[in-house]
């Protein structure tokens, strides 16, 4: 088996080596390392809060593409300025079909940064430093998502018809009525546009997703409840 691998290592096709064992193993191990790190961040830190499968797919594929581009470009000795330029191009991507929310853009930036860091080879950077860099990314994201910002405040806009309750002195009664009709425990609310001709007002309600279960019977009673 060893002799076969050595024989393949010496073969070339069109002046290109058929296989470079050292480079092949290095590429495979570093790819697996990058894949594990980015998948952990995306699947266990980002996804539990967002539940966006489309971004889950996008982040993993962009991470894979960026890593392979960087590591293969590095093997042909292109300067680091080109790699950083490529990183910047991907960092300002905007999909024309949908506007990407700021948090999703931040995660996109993170997975690109990690893939670039893991893909760049330099004798001045040890494997321990690369491992520490990846660990710090995970630590900061875990701290923000699971500890500091663990309660995810969401918002919705409702069109409310009991316009007499929007007065400041009836704020508690207004909140109680909306909670009973929507099944949502309201954290705070803001009163927007008021239509006296139709006796309606747009109210933006804020609530914590992890402490709310929608009451479907109450939901039928509300005139309109849409995502903002």
Protein backbone atom coordinates (compact mmCIF):
# COMPACT_ATOMS: atom_id res chain seq x y z
CA UNK A 1 0.00 0.00 0.00
CA UNK A 2 2.84 2.35 0.93
CA UNK A 3 4.68 1.56 -2.30
CA UNK A 4 1.49 2.26 -4.29
CA UNK A 5 1.06 5.65 -2.65
CA UNK A 6 4.72 6.50 -3.26
CA UNK A 7 4.30 5.49 -6.91
CA UNK A 8 1.21 7.67 -7.29
CA UNK A 9 3.04 10.52 -5.60
CA UNK A 10 5.69 10.42 -8.35
CA UNK A 11 3.22 10.34 -11.23
CA UNK A 12 2.25 13.47 -13.14
CA UNK A 13 -0.18 14.36 -15.88
CA UNK A 14 0.52 17.31 -18.14
CA UNK A 15 3.25 18.47 -15.81
CA UNK A 16 0.92 18.40 -12.80
CA UNK A 17 1.43 15.92 -9.99
CA UNK A 18 -1.28 13.28 -9.86
CA UNK A 19 -1.30 13.42 -6.05
CA UNK A 20 0.69 15.23 -3.40
CA UNK A 21 0.16 13.15 -0.26
CA UNK A 22 1.34 15.83 2.14
CA UNK A 23 -0.80 18.52 0.54
CA UNK A 24 -3.80 16.17 0.21
CA UNK A 25 -3.78 15.20 3.90
CA UNK A 26 -3.20 18.81 4.97
CA UNK A 27 -6.16 20.00 2.87
CA UNK A 28 -8.46 17.26 4.20
CA UNK A 29 -7.61 17.81 7.87
CA UNK A 30 -7.89 21.59 7.68
CA UNK A 31 -11.17 21.35 5.78
CA UNK A 32 -12.62 19.05 8.45
CA UNK A 33 -11.43 21.42 11.17
CA UNK A 34 -13.01 24.45 9.47
CA UNK A 35 -16.22 22.52 8.73
CA UNK A 36 -16.61 21.42 12.36
CA UNK A 37 -16.03 24.94 13.70
CA UNK A 38 -18.38 26.74 11.31
CA UNK A 39 -21.07 24.04 11.55
CA UNK A 40 -21.00 24.25 15.34
CA UNK A 41 -21.41 28.04 15.24
CA UNK A 42 -24.18 27.98 12.63
CA UNK A 43 -26.13 24.96 13.89
CA UNK A 44 -25.84 25.33 17.66
CA UNK A 45 -25.42 29.08 18.20
CA UNK A 46 -27.22 30.76 15.29
CA UNK A 47 -29.97 28.32 14.26
CA UNK A 48 -31.70 27.67 17.66
CA UNK A 49 -32.72 31.35 17.81
CA UNK A 50 -33.45 32.12 14.15
CA UNK A 51 -34.83 28.79 12.81
CA UNK A 52 -33.89 29.94 9.29
CA UNK A 53 -32.99 26.86 7.24
CA UNK A 54 -32.20 28.96 4.17
CA UNK A 55 -29.46 30.83 6.01
CA UNK A 56 -28.22 27.56 7.52
CA UNK A 57 -27.62 26.24 4.00
CA UNK A 58 -26.13 29.54 2.78
CA UNK A 59 -23.64 29.95 5.63
CA UNK A 60 -22.27 26.41 5.38
CA UNK A 61 -21.84 26.62 1.61
CA UNK A 62 -20.26 30.09 1.69
CA UNK A 63 -17.88 28.93 4.42
CA UNK A 64 -16.92 25.87 2.37
CA UNK A 65 -16.43 27.89 -0.82
CA UNK A 66 -14.37 30.62 0.84
CA UNK A 67 -12.15 28.12 2.68
CA UNK A 68 -11.39 26.08 -0.44
CA UNK A 69 -10.75 29.20 -2.50
CA UNK A 70 -8.37 30.65 0.08
CA UNK A 71 -6.41 27.47 0.75
CA UNK A 72 -6.03 26.61 -2.95
CA UNK A 73 -5.08 30.17 -3.88
CA UNK A 74 -2.54 30.11 -1.06
CA UNK A 75 -0.88 27.03 -2.56
CA UNK A 76 -0.14 28.91 -5.78
CA UNK A 77 1.45 31.75 -3.78
CA UNK A 78 -0.98 34.56 -4.57
CA UNK A 79 -0.38 37.48 -2.25
CA UNK A 80 -2.50 38.02 0.84
CA UNK A 81 -3.88 41.26 -0.61
CA UNK A 82 -5.77 39.26 -3.22
CA UNK A 83 -7.21 36.98 -0.53
CA UNK A 84 -8.34 39.93 1.58
CA UNK A 85 -9.83 41.57 -1.52
CA UNK A 86 -11.84 38.41 -2.17
CA UNK A 87 -12.89 38.42 1.48
CA UNK A 88 -14.08 42.04 1.17
CA UNK A 89 -16.10 41.29 -1.97
CA UNK A 90 -17.98 38.47 -0.27
CA UNK A 91 -18.33 40.58 2.87
CA UNK A 92 -20.46 43.20 1.09
CA UNK A 93 -22.74 40.77 -0.73
CA UNK A 94 -26.37 41.86 -0.95
CA UNK A 95 -28.97 39.51 -2.33
CA UNK A 96 -31.32 41.47 -4.58
CA UNK A 97 -34.36 39.33 -3.80
CA UNK A 98 -34.33 39.99 -0.04
CA UNK A 99 -32.68 42.44 2.32
CA UNK A 100 -30.49 40.52 4.76
CA UNK A 101 -31.13 41.45 8.42
CA UNK A 102 -28.17 42.87 10.32
CA UNK A 103 -27.75 39.80 12.54
CA UNK A 104 -27.68 37.46 9.54
CA UNK A 105 -25.12 39.74 7.85
CA UNK A 106 -23.00 39.57 11.02
CA UNK A 107 -23.03 35.78 10.99
CA UNK A 108 -22.16 35.86 7.28
CA UNK A 109 -19.18 38.07 8.10
CA UNK A 110 -18.14 35.71 10.91
CA UNK A 111 -18.22 32.51 8.81
CA UNK A 112 -16.28 34.25 6.03
CA UNK A 113 -13.68 35.54 8.51
CA UNK A 114 -13.24 32.11 10.10
CA UNK A 115 -12.91 30.43 6.70
CA UNK A 116 -10.29 32.96 5.57
CA UNK A 117 -8.32 32.56 8.81
CA UNK A 118 -8.39 28.77 8.59
CA UNK A 119 -7.51 28.81 4.90
CA UNK A 120 -4.46 31.08 5.06
CA UNK A 121 -1.17 29.26 5.57
CA UNK A 122 1.77 31.05 7.15
CA UNK A 123 4.82 29.83 9.05
CA UNK A 124 4.47 32.90 11.28
CA UNK A 125 1.08 31.65 12.56
CA UNK A 126 1.09 28.45 14.60
CA UNK A 127 -1.73 25.92 14.70
CA UNK A 128 -2.19 26.83 18.37
CA UNK A 129 -2.92 30.46 17.40
CA UNK A 130 -5.40 29.36 14.74
CA UNK A 131 -7.12 27.09 17.28
CA UNK A 132 -7.22 29.92 19.82
CA UNK A 133 -8.73 32.29 17.23
CA UNK A 134 -11.51 29.83 16.42
CA UNK A 135 -12.12 29.21 20.12
CA UNK A 136 -12.43 32.94 20.79
CA UNK A 137 -15.01 33.26 18.00
CA UNK A 138 -17.06 30.46 19.56
CA UNK A 139 -16.68 31.87 23.08
CA UNK A 140 -17.85 35.38 22.14
CA UNK A 141 -20.80 34.09 20.11
CA UNK A 142 -21.80 31.67 22.86
CA UNK A 143 -21.62 34.45 25.47
CA UNK A 144 -23.78 36.78 23.37
CA UNK A 145 -26.37 34.22 22.22
CA UNK A 146 -26.71 32.00 25.31
CA UNK A 147 -25.87 34.28 28.24
CA UNK A 148 -26.05 38.02 27.65
CA UNK A 149 -28.71 38.16 24.90
CA UNK A 150 -30.40 34.83 25.57
CA UNK A 151 -33.91 36.30 25.63
CA UNK A 152 -34.86 37.15 22.07
CA UNK A 153 -37.25 40.13 21.96
CA UNK A 154 -39.52 40.07 18.92
CA UNK A 155 -42.04 42.59 17.67
CA UNK A 156 -45.31 42.60 15.78
CA UNK A 157 -47.69 45.28 14.54
CA UNK A 158 -51.41 44.94 15.22
CA UNK A 159 -54.30 47.01 13.94
CA UNK A 160 -56.33 47.71 17.06
CA UNK A 161 -59.98 48.88 17.02
CA UNK A 162 -60.67 49.77 20.66
CA UNK A 163 -59.29 53.25 20.16
CA UNK A 164 -60.58 54.52 23.50
CA UNK A 165 -57.97 52.35 25.27
CA UNK A 166 -54.95 54.02 23.68
CA UNK A 167 -55.07 56.86 26.23
CA UNK A 168 -52.06 56.90 28.60
CA UNK A 169 -54.21 56.44 31.70
CA UNK A 170 -55.68 53.23 30.23
CA UNK A 171 -52.34 51.67 29.26
CA UNK A 172 -52.64 48.71 31.64
CA UNK A 173 -56.14 47.94 30.40
CA UNK A 174 -54.89 48.15 26.79
CA UNK A 175 -52.04 45.72 27.46
CA UNK A 176 -54.33 43.27 29.26
CA UNK A 177 -56.86 43.31 26.40
CA UNK A 178 -54.19 42.66 23.75
CA UNK A 179 -52.63 39.85 25.83
CA UNK A 180 -56.02 38.16 26.25
CA UNK A 181 -56.80 38.36 22.54
CA UNK A 182 -53.41 37.31 21.18
CA UNK A 183 -52.11 34.98 23.88
CA UNK A 184 -48.83 36.92 23.92
CA UNK A 185 -47.23 38.19 27.12
CA UNK A 186 -46.31 41.77 26.17
CA UNK A 187 -43.06 43.25 27.37
CA UNK A 188 -43.76 46.77 26.06
CA UNK A 189 -45.68 48.49 23.30
CA UNK A 190 -45.64 51.62 21.14
CA UNK A 191 -48.67 53.36 19.63
CA UNK A 192 -48.19 54.39 16.01
CA UNK A 193 -50.56 55.80 13.40
CA UNK A 194 -54.08 56.57 14.63
CA UNK A 195 -57.01 56.56 12.18
CA UNK A 196 -59.97 58.41 13.74
CA UNK A 197 -62.12 57.87 10.64
CA UNK A 198 -61.95 54.10 11.06
CA UNK A 199 -61.42 54.16 14.83
CA UNK A 200 -58.22 52.09 14.59
CA UNK A 201 -54.61 52.47 15.65
CA UNK A 202 -51.41 50.65 14.68
CA UNK A 203 -49.69 49.32 17.78
CA UNK A 204 -46.23 47.79 17.83
CA UNK A 205 -45.97 45.15 20.55
CA UNK A 206 -42.70 43.71 21.90
CA UNK A 207 -42.45 40.31 23.54
CA UNK A 208 -39.95 37.60 24.40
CA UNK A 209 -40.32 34.58 22.09
CA UNK A 210 -39.04 32.06 24.62
CA UNK A 211 -41.85 32.86 27.08
CA UNK A 212 -44.80 32.99 24.70
CA UNK A 213 -47.16 30.46 23.19
CA UNK A 214 -49.72 31.83 20.76
CA UNK A 215 -53.31 31.28 21.88
CA UNK A 216 -55.04 30.39 18.63
CA UNK A 217 -58.52 31.16 19.93
CA UNK A 218 -57.42 34.62 20.97
CA UNK A 219 -55.58 35.00 17.68
CA UNK A 220 -58.86 34.59 15.78
CA UNK A 221 -60.34 37.53 17.67
CA UNK A 222 -57.67 40.02 16.65
CA UNK A 223 -58.33 41.88 13.43
CA UNK A 224 -54.77 41.77 12.15
CA UNK A 225 -51.51 40.38 13.50
CA UNK A 226 -48.60 40.43 11.07
CA UNK A 227 -44.84 40.30 11.32
CA UNK A 228 -43.30 43.74 11.11
